[in-house]
Amino acid sequence: MMPASLALVRQGFPDQASRARAIAIWTMGGAVAVAAGPVLGGALTATAGWRWIFFVNLPAGLLALVLLARVPASPRLPVRLDLPGQVAAVIAMGGLTYGVIEGGDQGFGRPLVLASLLVAVVAAAVFLAVQARSSHPTLPLPLFRSRAAAVSLAIGFMLNAAYYGGVFVFSLYLQQERGQSALQAGLMFIPMTALVAVVNLASASLARRYGPRVPMVAGQLVGTAGLLSLLSVGAHTDVWLVAALMVPVGLGGALTVPALTALLLDSVPADRAGTASAVLNTGRQVGGAIAVAVFGALLAGADTFLAGMRWSMLLAAAGLVLTAGATLTLPRTVTDRG
């Protein structure tokens, strides 16, 4: 649904400047959801039970269906379903996700973990081979020849790894190390997400004035600073100080994502908008899943929880520094591909 929604934005706002504002509003909607999610999830878990977190999607989904009925129909392209590519991609992603999560929990030497990672590698190789030969590939490989697209995908992966990896680690810290309830832990994430909506709109304004590179680099550096500040968190650090130190992590992502998304959509032809946004979304989800697995392994393998937590934050910060450096290789402005 997320790639399709971005494709609708690309369709509805052909002008580059208006599209940047629309993407900022699109991102803001996600930011509000991220802000509400931990609190609502904590409240439901503490009262009705964790299964109810899935039912809150029903009214939102019904509202979306009503609104979609008013959206003009999209042009249809005569493209066949790439079934071999789809199957190979699903197997590769399933094997990778299972392997890294179970490896982080049970150890990467277990036969089932090794087998799942091997399946992921083989399926990924099959997927790439199919895409190179298919006349209607799921993932057009020439997409990665664009530096803007390739860098955008790398940044998206790393942003989600840092953000969701951080939320995972500090959820455990607040509940297991500090004895907080699920609801109390959720409330601690409100400061990190409270200003995200405003910063999303500011990112679009900065991108229009200075080009997408400025907010993207600034956002990644702000996120890096936030991750490094979390290295000071100890066993008895005031929980509200911990919540305040997480704020730059959220703001860094909020500053980067709108400009990043607009850059990607501007760098591909309009008929590839859905594909490009799908690849970006997939990369971001994989980044979050891998971060949870890797950070979980670091927490389990370290001498103390705090040591594993600090190694996790250092790893995330190093990744953001690398992608910030890659961002500097981009031109100041990107020509709209139409």
C-alpha atoms as a PDB file:
ATOM      1  CA  MET A   1       0.000   0.000   0.000  1.00  0.00           C
ATOM      2  CA  MET A   2       2.780   2.440   0.810  1.00  0.00           C
ATOM      3  CA  PRO A   3       4.447   2.244  -2.633  1.00  0.00           C
ATOM      4  CA  ALA A   4       1.043   2.627  -4.284  1.00  0.00           C
ATOM      5  CA  SER A   5       0.262   5.679  -2.161  1.00  0.00           C
ATOM      6  CA  LEU A   6       3.510   7.336  -3.222  1.00  0.00           C
ATOM      7  CA  ALA A   7       2.755   6.507  -6.843  1.00  0.00           C
ATOM      8  CA  LEU A   8      -0.593   8.295  -6.389  1.00  0.00           C
ATOM      9  CA  VAL A   9       1.266  11.336  -5.058  1.00  0.00           C
ATOM     10  CA  ARG A  10       3.510  11.255  -8.117  1.00  0.00           C
ATOM     11  CA  GLN A  11       0.427  11.011 -10.335  1.00  0.00           C
ATOM     12  CA  GLY A  12      -1.537  13.745  -8.574  1.00  0.00           C
ATOM     13  CA  PHE A  13       1.288  16.286  -8.349  1.00  0.00           C
ATOM     14  CA  PRO A  14       3.261  16.392 -11.612  1.00  0.00           C
ATOM     15  CA  ASP A  15       4.899  19.688 -10.656  1.00  0.00           C
ATOM     16  CA  GLN A  16       8.169  19.153  -8.777  1.00  0.00           C
ATOM     17  CA  ALA A  17       7.626  21.892  -6.158  1.00  0.00           C
ATOM     18  CA  SER A  18       4.026  20.942  -5.351  1.00  0.00           C
ATOM     19  CA  ARG A  19       5.048  17.281  -5.255  1.00  0.00           C
ATOM     20  CA  ALA A  20       7.699  18.040  -2.624  1.00  0.00           C
ATOM     21  CA  ARG A  21       5.048  19.647  -0.406  1.00  0.00           C
ATOM     22  CA  ALA A  22       2.685  16.708  -0.979  1.00  0.00           C
ATOM     23  CA  ILE A  23       5.404  14.236  -0.037  1.00  0.00           C
ATOM     24  CA  ALA A  24       6.088  16.217   3.143  1.00  0.00           C
ATOM     25  CA  ILE A  25       2.407  15.935   4.079  1.00  0.00           C
ATOM     26  CA  TRP A  26       2.457  12.226   3.180  1.00  0.00           C
ATOM     27  CA  THR A  27       5.477  11.758   5.452  1.00  0.00           C
ATOM     28  CA  MET A  28       3.803  13.793   8.185  1.00  0.00           C
ATOM     29  CA  GLY A  29       0.894  11.340   8.221  1.00  0.00           C
ATOM     30  CA  GLY A  30       3.314   8.517   8.866  1.00  0.00           C
ATOM     31  CA  ALA A  31       5.055  10.574  11.537  1.00  0.00           C
ATOM     32  CA  VAL A  32       1.808  11.136  13.431  1.00  0.00           C
ATOM     33  CA  ALA A  33       1.182   7.393  13.294  1.00  0.00           C
ATOM     34  CA  VAL A  34       4.683   6.682  14.610  1.00  0.00           C
ATOM     35  CA  ALA A  35       4.069   9.112  17.471  1.00  0.00           C
ATOM     36  CA  ALA A  36       0.729   7.568  18.380  1.00  0.00           C
ATOM     37  CA  GLY A  37       1.773   3.941  17.876  1.00  0.00           C
ATOM     38  CA  PRO A  38       3.913   3.315  20.980  1.00  0.00           C
ATOM     39  CA  VAL A  39       1.439   5.075  23.284  1.00  0.00           C
ATOM     40  CA  LEU A  40      -1.675   3.447  21.854  1.00  0.00           C
ATOM     41  CA  GLY A  41       0.091   0.093  21.587  1.00  0.00           C
ATOM     42  CA  GLY A  42       1.253   0.332  25.190  1.00  0.00           C
ATOM     43  CA  ALA A  43      -2.219   1.283  26.400  1.00  0.00           C
ATOM     44  CA  LEU A  44      -3.864  -1.590  24.498  1.00  0.00           C
ATOM     45  CA  THR A  45      -1.243  -4.080  25.668  1.00  0.00           C
ATOM     46  CA  ALA A  46      -1.696  -3.018  29.289  1.00  0.00           C
ATOM     47  CA  THR A  47      -5.517  -3.134  29.151  1.00  0.00           C
ATOM     48  CA  ALA A  48      -7.237  -5.100  26.377  1.00  0.00           C
ATOM     49  CA  GLY A  49      -4.254  -7.236  25.382  1.00  0.00           C
ATOM     50  CA  TRP A  50      -1.644  -7.062  22.621  1.00  0.00           C
ATOM     51  CA  ARG A  51      -3.902  -8.668  19.989  1.00  0.00           C
ATOM     52  CA  TRP A  52      -5.993  -5.501  19.886  1.00  0.00           C
ATOM     53  CA  ILE A  53      -3.138  -3.571  18.272  1.00  0.00           C
ATOM     54  CA  PHE A  54      -4.176  -5.188  14.980  1.00  0.00           C
ATOM     55  CA  PHE A  55      -7.830  -4.167  15.163  1.00  0.00           C
ATOM     56  CA  VAL A  56      -7.084  -0.425  15.273  1.00  0.00           C
ATOM     57  CA  ASN A  57      -6.228  -0.718  11.570  1.00  0.00           C
ATOM     58  CA  LEU A  58      -9.843  -1.479  10.639  1.00  0.00           C
ATOM     59  CA  PRO A  59     -11.387   2.015  10.974  1.00  0.00           C
ATOM     60  CA  ALA A  60      -8.339   3.595   9.317  1.00  0.00           C
ATOM     61  CA  GLY A  61      -8.572   1.131   6.438  1.00  0.00           C
ATOM     62  CA  LEU A  62     -12.293   1.784   5.940  1.00  0.00           C
ATOM     63  CA  LEU A  63     -11.683   5.544   5.861  1.00  0.00           C
ATOM     64  CA  ALA A  64      -8.926   5.070   3.283  1.00  0.00           C
ATOM     65  CA  LEU A  65     -11.260   3.031   1.069  1.00  0.00           C
ATOM     66  CA  VAL A  66     -13.875   5.782   1.185  1.00  0.00           C
ATOM     67  CA  LEU A  67     -11.293   8.424   0.257  1.00  0.00           C
ATOM     68  CA  LEU A  68      -9.801   6.300  -2.533  1.00  0.00           C
ATOM     69  CA  ALA A  69     -13.187   6.163  -4.230  1.00  0.00           C
ATOM     70  CA  ARG A  70     -12.735   9.887  -4.991  1.00  0.00           C
ATOM     71  CA  VAL A  71      -9.254   9.496  -6.530  1.00  0.00           C
ATOM     72  CA  PRO A  72      -9.058   9.581 -10.362  1.00  0.00           C
ATOM     73  CA  ALA A  73      -8.247   6.242 -11.961  1.00  0.00           C
ATOM     74  CA  SER A  74      -4.572   5.637 -12.741  1.00  0.00           C
ATOM     75  CA  PRO A  75      -3.426   4.852 -16.278  1.00  0.00           C
ATOM     76  CA  ARG A  76      -2.912   1.141 -16.832  1.00  0.00           C
ATOM     77  CA  LEU A  77       0.206  -0.297 -18.383  1.00  0.00           C
ATOM     78  CA  PRO A  78       0.188  -3.574 -20.363  1.00  0.00           C
ATOM     79  CA  VAL A  79       2.652  -5.376 -18.080  1.00  0.00           C
ATOM     80  CA  ARG A  80       2.557  -9.078 -17.263  1.00  0.00           C
ATOM     81  CA  LEU A  81       3.051 -10.350 -13.730  1.00  0.00           C
ATOM     82  CA  ASP A  82       6.657 -11.389 -13.165  1.00  0.00           C
ATOM     83  CA  LEU A  83       5.717 -14.515 -11.229  1.00  0.00           C
ATOM     84  CA  PRO A  84       9.211 -16.137 -11.101  1.00  0.00           C
ATOM     85  CA  GLY A  85      10.719 -12.860  -9.905  1.00  0.00           C
ATOM     86  CA  GLN A  86       7.978 -12.346  -7.313  1.00  0.00           C
ATOM     87  CA  VAL A  87       8.384 -15.858  -5.922  1.00  0.00           C
ATOM     88  CA  ALA A  88      12.186 -15.584  -5.779  1.00  0.00           C
ATOM     89  CA  ALA A  89      11.953 -12.195  -4.055  1.00  0.00           C
ATOM     90  CA  VAL A  90       9.519 -13.456  -1.420  1.00  0.00           C
ATOM     91  CA  ILE A  91      11.701 -16.498  -0.690  1.00  0.00           C
ATOM     92  CA  ALA A  92      14.849 -14.350  -0.477  1.00  0.00           C
ATOM     93  CA  MET A  93      13.267 -11.795   1.863  1.00  0.00           C
ATOM     94  CA  GLY A  94      11.615 -14.472   3.983  1.00  0.00           C
ATOM     95  CA  GLY A  95      14.838 -16.437   4.347  1.00  0.00           C
ATOM     96  CA  LEU A  96      16.867 -13.334   5.153  1.00  0.00           C
ATOM     97  CA  THR A  97      14.404 -11.997   7.722  1.00  0.00           C
ATOM     98  CA  TYR A  98      13.998 -15.356   9.448  1.00  0.00           C
ATOM     99  CA  GLY A  99      17.732 -16.032   9.396  1.00  0.00           C
ATOM    100  CA  VAL A 100      18.864 -12.741  10.884  1.00  0.00           C
ATOM    101  CA  ILE A 101      16.146 -12.619  13.557  1.00  0.00           C
ATOM    102  CA  GLU A 102      16.577 -16.240  14.652  1.00  0.00           C
ATOM    103  CA  GLY A 103      20.347 -15.902  14.366  1.00  0.00           C
ATOM    104  CA  GLY A 104      20.305 -12.922  16.688  1.00  0.00           C
ATOM    105  CA  ASP A 105      18.167 -14.841  19.163  1.00  0.00           C
ATOM    106  CA  GLN A 106      19.500 -18.413  18.926  1.00  0.00           C
ATOM    107  CA  GLY A 107      22.951 -17.964  17.377  1.00  0.00           C
ATOM    108  CA  PHE A 108      24.080 -17.884  13.760  1.00  0.00           C
ATOM    109  CA  GLY A 109      25.693 -21.331  13.954  1.00  0.00           C
ATOM    110  CA  ARG A 110      22.397 -23.220  14.216  1.00  0.00           C
ATOM    111  CA  PRO A 111      21.683 -25.409  11.147  1.00  0.00           C
ATOM    112  CA  LEU A 112      18.225 -23.960  10.520  1.00  0.00           C
ATOM    113  CA  VAL A 113      19.573 -20.397  10.621  1.00  0.00           C
ATOM    114  CA  LEU A 114      22.413 -21.251   8.238  1.00  0.00           C
ATOM    115  CA  ALA A 115      19.990 -23.032   5.916  1.00  0.00           C
ATOM    116  CA  SER A 116      17.600 -20.063   5.827  1.00  0.00           C
ATOM    117  CA  LEU A 117      20.447 -17.636   5.047  1.00  0.00           C
ATOM    118  CA  LEU A 118      21.712 -19.965   2.300  1.00  0.00           C
ATOM    119  CA  VAL A 119      18.194 -20.103   0.827  1.00  0.00           C
ATOM    120  CA  ALA A 120      18.080 -16.300   0.921  1.00  0.00           C
ATOM    121  CA  VAL A 121      21.373 -16.013  -0.978  1.00  0.00           C
ATOM    122  CA  VAL A 122      20.367 -18.550  -3.634  1.00  0.00           C
ATOM    123  CA  ALA A 123      16.905 -17.008  -4.070  1.00  0.00           C
ATOM    124  CA  ALA A 124      18.418 -13.517  -4.363  1.00  0.00           C
ATOM    125  CA  ALA A 125      20.797 -14.754  -7.073  1.00  0.00           C
ATOM    126  CA  VAL A 126      17.869 -16.353  -8.924  1.00  0.00           C
ATOM    127  CA  PHE A 127      15.884 -13.129  -8.569  1.00  0.00           C
ATOM    128  CA  LEU A 128      18.673 -11.021 -10.079  1.00  0.00           C
ATOM    129  CA  ALA A 129      19.126 -13.491 -12.931  1.00  0.00           C
ATOM    130  CA  VAL A 130      15.399 -13.441 -13.684  1.00  0.00           C
ATOM    131  CA  GLN A 131      15.293  -9.633 -13.583  1.00  0.00           C
ATOM    132  CA  ALA A 132      18.215  -9.360 -15.995  1.00  0.00           C
ATOM    133  CA  ARG A 133      16.479 -11.601 -18.542  1.00  0.00           C
ATOM    134  CA  SER A 134      12.828 -10.632 -18.120  1.00  0.00           C
ATOM    135  CA  SER A 135      11.126  -8.286 -20.576  1.00  0.00           C
ATOM    136  CA  HIS A 136       8.808  -7.115 -17.755  1.00  0.00           C
ATOM    137  CA  PRO A 137      10.916  -7.340 -14.571  1.00  0.00           C
ATOM    138  CA  THR A 138       9.555  -6.676 -11.107  1.00  0.00           C
ATOM    139  CA  LEU A 139      12.685  -4.630 -10.399  1.00  0.00           C
ATOM    140  CA  PRO A 140      14.245  -2.928 -13.431  1.00  0.00           C
ATOM    141  CA  LEU A 141      17.969  -3.190 -12.691  1.00  0.00           C
ATOM    142  CA  PRO A 142      18.785   0.014 -14.652  1.00  0.00           C
ATOM    143  CA  LEU A 143      17.061   1.835 -11.777  1.00  0.00           C
ATOM    144  CA  PHE A 144      20.280   1.423  -9.778  1.00  0.00           C
ATOM    145  CA  ARG A 145      22.348   3.131 -12.453  1.00  0.00           C
ATOM    146  CA  SER A 146      20.997   6.427 -11.167  1.00  0.00           C
ATOM    147  CA  ARG A 147      23.267   7.642  -8.374  1.00  0.00           C
ATOM    148  CA  ALA A 148      20.392   9.552  -6.802  1.00  0.00           C
ATOM    149  CA  ALA A 149      18.254   6.410  -6.675  1.00  0.00           C
ATOM    150  CA  ALA A 150      21.050   4.187  -5.340  1.00  0.00           C
ATOM    151  CA  VAL A 151      22.049   6.660  -2.609  1.00  0.00           C
ATOM    152  CA  SER A 152      18.405   7.220  -1.663  1.00  0.00           C
ATOM    153  CA  LEU A 153      17.894   3.497  -1.169  1.00  0.00           C
ATOM    154  CA  ALA A 154      21.040   3.186   0.971  1.00  0.00           C
ATOM    155  CA  ILE A 155      19.951   6.104   3.155  1.00  0.00           C
ATOM    156  CA  GLY A 156      16.444   4.690   3.544  1.00  0.00           C
ATOM    157  CA  PHE A 157      17.885   1.364   4.694  1.00  0.00           C
ATOM    158  CA  MET A 158      20.180   3.012   7.236  1.00  0.00           C
ATOM    159  CA  LEU A 159      17.590   5.455   8.584  1.00  0.00           C
ATOM    160  CA  ASN A 160      15.183   2.668   9.434  1.00  0.00           C
ATOM    161  CA  ALA A 161      17.968   0.558  10.880  1.00  0.00           C
ATOM    162  CA  ALA A 162      18.972   3.401  13.202  1.00  0.00           C
ATOM    163  CA  TYR A 163      15.446   4.470  14.125  1.00  0.00           C
ATOM    164  CA  TYR A 164      13.684   1.146  14.627  1.00  0.00           C
ATOM    165  CA  GLY A 165      16.811  -0.459  16.016  1.00  0.00           C
ATOM    166  CA  GLY A 166      16.960   2.351  18.567  1.00  0.00           C
ATOM    167  CA  VAL A 167      13.281   1.996  19.461  1.00  0.00           C
ATOM    168  CA  PHE A 168      13.779  -1.754  19.918  1.00  0.00           C
ATOM    169  CA  VAL A 169      16.828  -1.349  22.162  1.00  0.00           C
ATOM    170  CA  PHE A 170      15.380   1.396  24.327  1.00  0.00           C
ATOM    171  CA  SER A 171      12.024  -0.356  24.654  1.00  0.00           C
ATOM    172  CA  LEU A 172      13.962  -3.227  26.241  1.00  0.00           C
ATOM    173  CA  TYR A 173      16.049  -0.810  28.296  1.00  0.00           C
ATOM    174  CA  LEU A 174      13.006   0.965  29.720  1.00  0.00           C
ATOM    175  CA  GLN A 175      11.056  -2.203  30.473  1.00  0.00           C
ATOM    176  CA  GLN A 176      13.725  -4.746  31.398  1.00  0.00           C
ATOM    177  CA  GLU A 177      16.443  -2.552  32.874  1.00  0.00           C
ATOM    178  CA  ARG A 178      14.279   0.182  34.401  1.00  0.00           C
ATOM    179  CA  GLY A 179      11.143  -1.828  35.218  1.00  0.00           C
ATOM    180  CA  GLN A 180       8.692   0.361  33.296  1.00  0.00           C
ATOM    181  CA  SER A 181       5.369  -0.930  32.000  1.00  0.00           C
ATOM    182  CA  ALA A 182       4.609  -1.136  28.269  1.00  0.00           C
ATOM    183  CA  LEU A 183       2.474   2.017  28.529  1.00  0.00           C
ATOM    184  CA  GLN A 184       5.142   3.941  30.439  1.00  0.00           C
ATOM    185  CA  ALA A 185       7.775   2.903  27.909  1.00  0.00           C
ATOM    186  CA  GLY A 186       5.512   4.035  25.063  1.00  0.00           C
ATOM    187  CA  LEU A 187       5.062   7.443  26.675  1.00  0.00           C
ATOM    188  CA  MET A 188       8.838   7.885  26.749  1.00  0.00           C
ATOM    189  CA  PHE A 189       8.893   7.952  22.933  1.00  0.00           C
ATOM    190  CA  ILE A 190       6.490  10.886  22.649  1.00  0.00           C
ATOM    191  CA  PRO A 191       9.210  13.593  22.865  1.00  0.00           C
ATOM    192  CA  MET A 192      11.141  11.880  20.055  1.00  0.00           C
ATOM    193  CA  THR A 193       8.150  12.028  17.725  1.00  0.00           C
ATOM    194  CA  ALA A 194       6.317  15.156  18.929  1.00  0.00           C
ATOM    195  CA  LEU A 195       8.069  17.590  16.572  1.00  0.00           C
ATOM    196  CA  VAL A 196       8.398  15.235  13.637  1.00  0.00           C
ATOM    197  CA  ALA A 197       5.367  16.592  11.753  1.00  0.00           C
ATOM    198  CA  VAL A 198       6.672  20.169  11.899  1.00  0.00           C
ATOM    199  CA  VAL A 199      10.153  19.123  10.835  1.00  0.00           C
ATOM    200  CA  ASN A 200       8.717  17.172   7.870  1.00  0.00           C
ATOM    201  CA  LEU A 201       7.283  20.407   6.468  1.00  0.00           C
ATOM    202  CA  ALA A 202      10.520  22.277   7.224  1.00  0.00           C
ATOM    203  CA  SER A 203      12.446  19.634   5.269  1.00  0.00           C
ATOM    204  CA  ALA A 204      10.324  20.293   2.174  1.00  0.00           C
ATOM    205  CA  SER A 205      10.953  24.036   2.475  1.00  0.00           C
ATOM    206  CA  LEU A 206      14.703  23.544   2.826  1.00  0.00           C
ATOM    207  CA  ALA A 207      14.758  21.204  -0.160  1.00  0.00           C
ATOM    208  CA  ARG A 208      12.949  23.765  -2.328  1.00  0.00           C
ATOM    209  CA  ARG A 209      15.376  26.486  -1.329  1.00  0.00           C
ATOM    210  CA  TYR A 210      18.711  24.667  -1.153  1.00  0.00           C
ATOM    211  CA  GLY A 211      18.097  21.365  -2.920  1.00  0.00           C
ATOM    212  CA  PRO A 212      17.493  17.954  -1.299  1.00  0.00           C
ATOM    213  CA  ARG A 213      21.114  17.381  -0.353  1.00  0.00           C
ATOM    214  CA  VAL A 214      21.117  19.984   2.445  1.00  0.00           C
ATOM    215  CA  PRO A 215      18.241  18.610   4.575  1.00  0.00           C
ATOM    216  CA  MET A 216      19.377  15.041   3.890  1.00  0.00           C
ATOM    217  CA  VAL A 217      22.928  15.610   5.121  1.00  0.00           C
ATOM    218  CA  ALA A 218      21.764  17.766   8.028  1.00  0.00           C
ATOM    219  CA  GLY A 219      19.182  15.196   9.085  1.00  0.00           C
ATOM    220  CA  GLN A 220      21.632  12.314   9.065  1.00  0.00           C
ATOM    221  CA  LEU A 221      24.166  14.293  11.085  1.00  0.00           C
ATOM    222  CA  VAL A 222      21.496  15.307  13.610  1.00  0.00           C
ATOM    223  CA  GLY A 223      20.496  11.653  13.917  1.00  0.00           C
ATOM    224  CA  THR A 224      24.140  10.668  14.372  1.00  0.00           C
ATOM    225  CA  ALA A 225      24.545  13.243  17.143  1.00  0.00           C
ATOM    226  CA  GLY A 226      21.463  11.848  18.875  1.00  0.00           C
ATOM    227  CA  LEU A 227      22.746   8.276  18.698  1.00  0.00           C
ATOM    228  CA  LEU A 228      26.123   9.303  20.095  1.00  0.00           C
ATOM    229  CA  SER A 229      24.473  11.237  22.937  1.00  0.00           C
ATOM    230  CA  LEU A 230      22.671   8.035  23.947  1.00  0.00           C
ATOM    231  CA  LEU A 231      26.045   6.488  24.752  1.00  0.00           C
ATOM    232  CA  SER A 232      25.905   8.454  28.004  1.00  0.00           C
ATOM    233  CA  VAL A 233      22.788   6.624  29.205  1.00  0.00           C
ATOM    234  CA  GLY A 234      23.470   4.496  32.254  1.00  0.00           C
ATOM    235  CA  ALA A 235      21.614   2.229  34.623  1.00  0.00           C
ATOM    236  CA  HIS A 236      20.301   5.140  36.709  1.00  0.00           C
ATOM    237  CA  THR A 237      19.923   7.930  34.150  1.00  0.00           C
ATOM    238  CA  ASP A 238      16.656   9.792  34.667  1.00  0.00           C
ATOM    239  CA  VAL A 239      14.117   8.343  32.233  1.00  0.00           C
ATOM    240  CA  TRP A 240      12.974  11.790  31.102  1.00  0.00           C
ATOM    241  CA  LEU A 241      16.564  12.638  30.224  1.00  0.00           C
ATOM    242  CA  VAL A 242      16.694   9.438  28.184  1.00  0.00           C
ATOM    243  CA  ALA A 243      13.511  10.528  26.401  1.00  0.00           C
ATOM    244  CA  ALA A 244      15.074  13.940  25.669  1.00  0.00           C
ATOM    245  CA  LEU A 245      18.277  12.391  24.317  1.00  0.00           C
ATOM    246  CA  MET A 246      16.229  10.348  21.831  1.00  0.00           C
ATOM    247  CA  VAL A 247      14.691  13.502  20.320  1.00  0.00           C
ATOM    248  CA  PRO A 248      17.509  14.197  17.801  1.00  0.00           C
ATOM    249  CA  VAL A 249      17.176  10.653  16.428  1.00  0.00           C
ATOM    250  CA  GLY A 250      13.555  11.287  15.508  1.00  0.00           C
ATOM    251  CA  LEU A 251      14.216  14.798  14.220  1.00  0.00           C
ATOM    252  CA  GLY A 252      17.085  13.593  12.051  1.00  0.00           C
ATOM    253  CA  GLY A 253      14.848  11.112  10.288  1.00  0.00           C
ATOM    254  CA  ALA A 254      12.056  13.681   9.938  1.00  0.00           C
ATOM    255  CA  LEU A 255      14.448  16.106   8.280  1.00  0.00           C
ATOM    256  CA  THR A 256      15.827  13.491   5.899  1.00  0.00           C
ATOM    257  CA  VAL A 257      12.865  11.374   4.737  1.00  0.00           C
ATOM    258  CA  PRO A 258      10.746  13.958   2.841  1.00  0.00           C
ATOM    259  CA  ALA A 259      13.737  15.238   0.866  1.00  0.00           C
ATOM    260  CA  LEU A 260      14.957  11.669   0.343  1.00  0.00           C
ATOM    261  CA  THR A 261      11.590  10.497  -0.989  1.00  0.00           C
ATOM    262  CA  ALA A 262      11.174  13.526  -3.264  1.00  0.00           C
ATOM    263  CA  LEU A 263      14.718  13.023  -4.592  1.00  0.00           C
ATOM    264  CA  LEU A 264      13.984   9.407  -5.483  1.00  0.00           C
ATOM    265  CA  LEU A 265      10.698  10.166  -7.236  1.00  0.00           C
ATOM    266  CA  ASP A 266      12.249  13.088  -9.126  1.00  0.00           C
ATOM    267  CA  SER A 267      15.110  10.901 -10.357  1.00  0.00           C
ATOM    268  CA  VAL A 268      12.934   8.262 -12.054  1.00  0.00           C
ATOM    269  CA  PRO A 269      10.344   8.507 -14.860  1.00  0.00           C
ATOM    270  CA  ALA A 270       6.731   8.896 -13.725  1.00  0.00           C
ATOM    271  CA  ASP A 271       5.813   5.358 -14.839  1.00  0.00           C
ATOM    272  CA  ARG A 272       8.517   3.983 -12.537  1.00  0.00           C
ATOM    273  CA  ALA A 273       7.328   5.874  -9.448  1.00  0.00           C
ATOM    274  CA  GLY A 274       5.509   2.882  -7.987  1.00  0.00           C
ATOM    275  CA  THR A 275       8.478   0.599  -8.556  1.00  0.00           C
ATOM    276  CA  ALA A 276      10.978   3.088  -7.090  1.00  0.00           C
ATOM    277  CA  SER A 277       8.866   3.740  -4.001  1.00  0.00           C
ATOM    278  CA  ALA A 278       8.341  -0.017  -3.567  1.00  0.00           C
ATOM    279  CA  VAL A 279      12.093  -0.615  -3.607  1.00  0.00           C
ATOM    280  CA  LEU A 280      12.620   2.234  -1.123  1.00  0.00           C
ATOM    281  CA  ASN A 281       9.942   0.868   1.202  1.00  0.00           C
ATOM    282  CA  THR A 282      11.374  -2.654   0.970  1.00  0.00           C
ATOM    283  CA  GLY A 283      14.866  -1.401   1.719  1.00  0.00           C
ATOM    284  CA  ARG A 284      13.644   0.521   4.743  1.00  0.00           C
ATOM    285  CA  GLN A 285      11.722  -2.465   6.108  1.00  0.00           C
ATOM    286  CA  VAL A 286      14.730  -4.738   5.630  1.00  0.00           C
ATOM    287  CA  GLY A 287      16.887  -2.174   7.433  1.00  0.00           C
ATOM    288  CA  GLY A 288      14.572  -2.203  10.428  1.00  0.00           C
ATOM    289  CA  ALA A 289      14.358  -6.001  10.518  1.00  0.00           C
ATOM    290  CA  ILE A 290      18.108  -6.490  10.252  1.00  0.00           C
ATOM    291  CA  ALA A 291      18.776  -3.855  12.916  1.00  0.00           C
ATOM    292  CA  VAL A 292      16.473  -5.629  15.369  1.00  0.00           C
ATOM    293  CA  ALA A 293      18.315  -8.897  14.717  1.00  0.00           C
ATOM    294  CA  VAL A 294      21.829  -7.449  14.880  1.00  0.00           C
ATOM    295  CA  PHE A 295      21.163  -5.250  17.893  1.00  0.00           C
ATOM    296  CA  GLY A 296      19.454  -8.157  19.637  1.00  0.00           C
ATOM    297  CA  ALA A 297      22.560 -10.260  19.039  1.00  0.00           C
ATOM    298  CA  LEU A 298      24.765  -7.478  20.428  1.00  0.00           C
ATOM    299  CA  LEU A 299      22.587  -7.201  23.537  1.00  0.00           C
ATOM    300  CA  ALA A 300      22.662 -10.963  24.065  1.00  0.00           C
ATOM    301  CA  GLY A 301      26.395 -11.348  23.416  1.00  0.00           C
ATOM    302  CA  ALA A 302      27.715  -8.427  25.466  1.00  0.00           C
ATOM    303  CA  ASP A 303      28.830  -8.743  29.074  1.00  0.00           C
ATOM    304  CA  THR A 304      26.070  -6.341  30.172  1.00  0.00           C
ATOM    305  CA  PHE A 305      22.918  -4.943  28.605  1.00  0.00           C
ATOM    306  CA  LEU A 306      24.357  -1.416  28.660  1.00  0.00           C
ATOM    307  CA  ALA A 307      27.478  -2.527  26.801  1.00  0.00           C
ATOM    308  CA  GLY A 308      25.378  -4.132  24.061  1.00  0.00           C
ATOM    309  CA  MET A 309      23.199  -1.025  23.917  1.00  0.00           C
ATOM    310  CA  ARG A 310      26.206   1.226  23.410  1.00  0.00           C
ATOM    311  CA  TRP A 311      27.680  -0.976  20.687  1.00  0.00           C
ATOM    312  CA  SER A 312      24.311  -0.871  18.929  1.00  0.00           C
ATOM    313  CA  MET A 313      24.181   2.934  19.020  1.00  0.00           C
ATOM    314  CA  LEU A 314      27.784   3.174  17.772  1.00  0.00           C
ATOM    315  CA  LEU A 315      27.025   0.850  14.861  1.00  0.00           C
ATOM    316  CA  ALA A 316      23.940   2.850  13.891  1.00  0.00           C
ATOM    317  CA  ALA A 317      25.842   6.142  14.129  1.00  0.00           C
ATOM    318  CA  ALA A 318      28.650   4.807  11.938  1.00  0.00           C
ATOM    319  CA  GLY A 319      26.120   3.743   9.313  1.00  0.00           C
ATOM    320  CA  LEU A 320      24.536   7.199   9.220  1.00  0.00           C
ATOM    321  CA  VAL A 321      27.943   8.849   8.873  1.00  0.00           C
ATOM    322  CA  LEU A 322      28.670   6.657   5.856  1.00  0.00           C
ATOM    323  CA  THR A 323      25.359   7.437   4.147  1.00  0.00           C
ATOM    324  CA  ALA A 324      25.763  11.152   4.940  1.00  0.00           C
ATOM    325  CA  GLY A 325      29.102  11.011   3.141  1.00  0.00           C
ATOM    326  CA  ALA A 326      27.439   9.284   0.184  1.00  0.00           C
ATOM    327  CA  THR A 327      24.824  12.052   0.110  1.00  0.00           C
ATOM    328  CA  LEU A 328      27.564  14.623  -0.443  1.00  0.00           C
ATOM    329  CA  THR A 329      28.369  12.950  -3.774  1.00  0.00           C
ATOM    330  CA  LEU A 330      24.938  13.912  -5.123  1.00  0.00           C
ATOM    331  CA  PRO A 331      24.425  17.078  -7.185  1.00  0.00           C
ATOM    332  CA  ARG A 332      22.862  20.022  -5.391  1.00  0.00           C
ATOM    333  CA  THR A 333      19.732  19.786  -7.538  1.00  0.00           C
ATOM    334  CA  VAL A 334      18.103  16.902  -9.396  1.00  0.00           C
ATOM    335  CA  THR A 335      16.369  17.327 -12.743  1.00  0.00           C
ATOM    336  CA  ASP A 336      12.758  16.142 -12.741  1.00  0.00           C
ATOM    337  CA  ARG A 337      12.458  13.078 -15.009  1.00  0.00           C
ATOM    338  CA  GLY A 338       8.810  13.815 -15.741  1.00  0.00           C
END
